[in-house]
Structure formats: C-alpha cells, structure tokens
Amino acid sequence: MRANCSSGKKYYDAESQATEALLFVWSQNSFREGEGPVTVYCCDECGGFHLTSKGEMHEKLKELLKSGKLDNLREAARWEQKFRKS
C-alpha cells in the first residue's frame, strides 16, 4: 500500500488488498446503516484501489455480515485492544 494518491485517499496496489482493508475496517468499527465504506474501486487518477461508501456493498462484506462472522471478528478486536491496554 502506498500512502495516498492525489485524491487524498489511501492507495492499495491490488483489489485484493483493498478488499482485505475493507473487511478489516469493518472488523474494527461498529458502523451504523449507511455509514462507513462498503466497497472498493479502481481509481482513474492513480490506477490503484480505494475504499468507498458509495455503490453496492462488496460481496465479501455481504457474506461476512450475513454469516455472523463479523461479530466474531469485532469481539476478537475488542479483546485485542483490552490486552494491549494492560
């Protein structure tokens, strides 16, 4: 991942990296409906991939939400934060 593109957004070299970042962001945060990034796209300016809150929800994110696995990832993240504080 590069720091940024001229759009000011984080840049990912590959769609798979951006998708992984999307799922990670969701595992670390509790977004309400209509908040947060929902998919990734290829940027016309830099040729890299970015997260976006516009458009249809990414299939992998839909699967994570539907399966309930996102709740498990969020719980693991909470425990990790607790251990880091101690």
Protein backbone atom coordinates (compact mmCIF):
# COMPACT_ATOMS: atom_id res chain seq x y z
CA MET A 1 0.00 0.00 0.00
CA ARG A 2 1.25 3.48 -0.87
CA ALA A 3 0.48 6.42 1.40
CA ASN A 4 -2.01 8.33 -0.77
CA CYS A 5 -2.97 9.31 -4.28
CA SER A 6 -3.80 12.83 -5.44
CA SER A 7 -7.40 12.22 -4.32
CA GLY A 8 -6.14 12.11 -0.72
CA LYS A 9 -7.37 8.56 -0.21
CA LYS A 10 -5.26 5.60 0.85
CA TYR A 11 -3.95 3.69 -2.15
CA TYR A 12 -3.85 -0.09 -2.46
CA ASP A 13 -1.84 -1.80 -5.21
CA ALA A 14 -4.34 -4.60 -5.73
CA GLU A 15 -8.07 -5.05 -5.42
CA SER A 16 -7.48 -7.93 -3.02
CA GLN A 17 -5.51 -5.63 -0.68
CA ALA A 18 -8.29 -3.04 -0.75
CA THR A 19 -10.90 -5.74 -0.08
CA GLU A 20 -8.88 -7.02 2.87
CA ALA A 21 -8.64 -3.45 4.20
CA LEU A 22 -12.41 -3.02 3.77
CA LEU A 23 -13.12 -6.13 5.83
CA PHE A 24 -10.53 -5.10 8.43
CA VAL A 25 -12.09 -1.63 8.82
CA TRP A 26 -15.47 -3.24 9.39
CA SER A 27 -14.00 -5.64 11.96
CA GLN A 28 -12.50 -2.73 13.91
CA ASN A 29 -15.56 -0.44 13.85
CA SER A 30 -19.27 -0.63 14.53
CA PHE A 31 -20.77 1.24 11.61
CA ARG A 32 -24.44 2.12 11.58
CA GLU A 33 -26.50 1.55 8.45
CA GLY A 34 -25.42 3.99 5.76
CA GLU A 35 -22.03 4.66 7.39
CA GLY A 36 -18.54 3.51 6.53
CA PRO A 37 -17.01 2.14 3.36
CA VAL A 38 -19.00 -0.53 1.54
CA THR A 39 -16.85 -1.49 -1.44
CA VAL A 40 -13.63 -0.86 -3.36
CA TYR A 41 -12.96 0.71 -6.75
CA CYS A 42 -10.14 1.30 -9.19
CA CYS A 43 -9.10 4.97 -9.24
CA ASP A 44 -8.87 6.73 -12.61
CA GLU A 45 -6.23 9.11 -11.20
CA CYS A 46 -3.67 6.70 -9.76
CA GLY A 47 -4.68 3.28 -11.08
CA GLY A 48 -4.77 1.94 -7.55
CA PHE A 49 -7.71 0.83 -5.46
CA HIS A 50 -9.59 2.77 -2.80
CA LEU A 51 -12.41 2.18 -0.34
CA THR A 52 -15.69 3.99 -0.91
CA SER A 53 -19.01 4.46 0.86
CA LYS A 54 -20.82 4.77 -2.47
CA GLY A 55 -22.34 1.98 -4.53
CA GLU A 56 -23.37 -1.58 -3.85
CA MET A 57 -21.93 -3.42 -0.88
CA HIS A 58 -18.98 -5.67 -1.75
CA GLU A 59 -19.95 -9.35 -1.95
CA LYS A 60 -17.32 -10.42 0.60
CA LEU A 61 -18.60 -7.84 3.07
CA LYS A 62 -22.18 -9.01 2.50
CA GLU A 63 -21.10 -12.60 3.18
CA LEU A 64 -19.27 -11.56 6.35
CA LEU A 65 -22.33 -9.73 7.65
CA LYS A 66 -24.79 -12.46 6.66
CA SER A 67 -22.74 -15.28 8.19
CA GLY A 68 -22.33 -13.53 11.52
CA LYS A 69 -18.55 -13.85 11.29
CA LEU A 70 -18.19 -10.08 11.51
CA ASP A 71 -19.45 -10.19 15.10
CA ASN A 72 -16.71 -12.72 15.92
CA LEU A 73 -14.04 -10.51 14.32
CA ARG A 74 -15.29 -7.47 16.25
CA GLU A 75 -15.22 -9.40 19.51
CA ALA A 76 -11.66 -10.53 18.79
CA ALA A 77 -10.67 -6.92 18.05
CA ARG A 78 -12.18 -5.76 21.37
CA TRP A 79 -10.20 -8.38 23.27
CA GLU A 80 -7.03 -7.48 21.42
CA GLN A 81 -7.48 -3.83 22.41
CA LYS A 82 -8.04 -4.82 26.03
CA PHE A 83 -4.82 -6.86 26.10
CA ARG A 84 -2.85 -4.03 24.53
CA LYS A 85 -4.02 -1.63 27.25
CA SER A 86 -2.83 -3.88 30.07
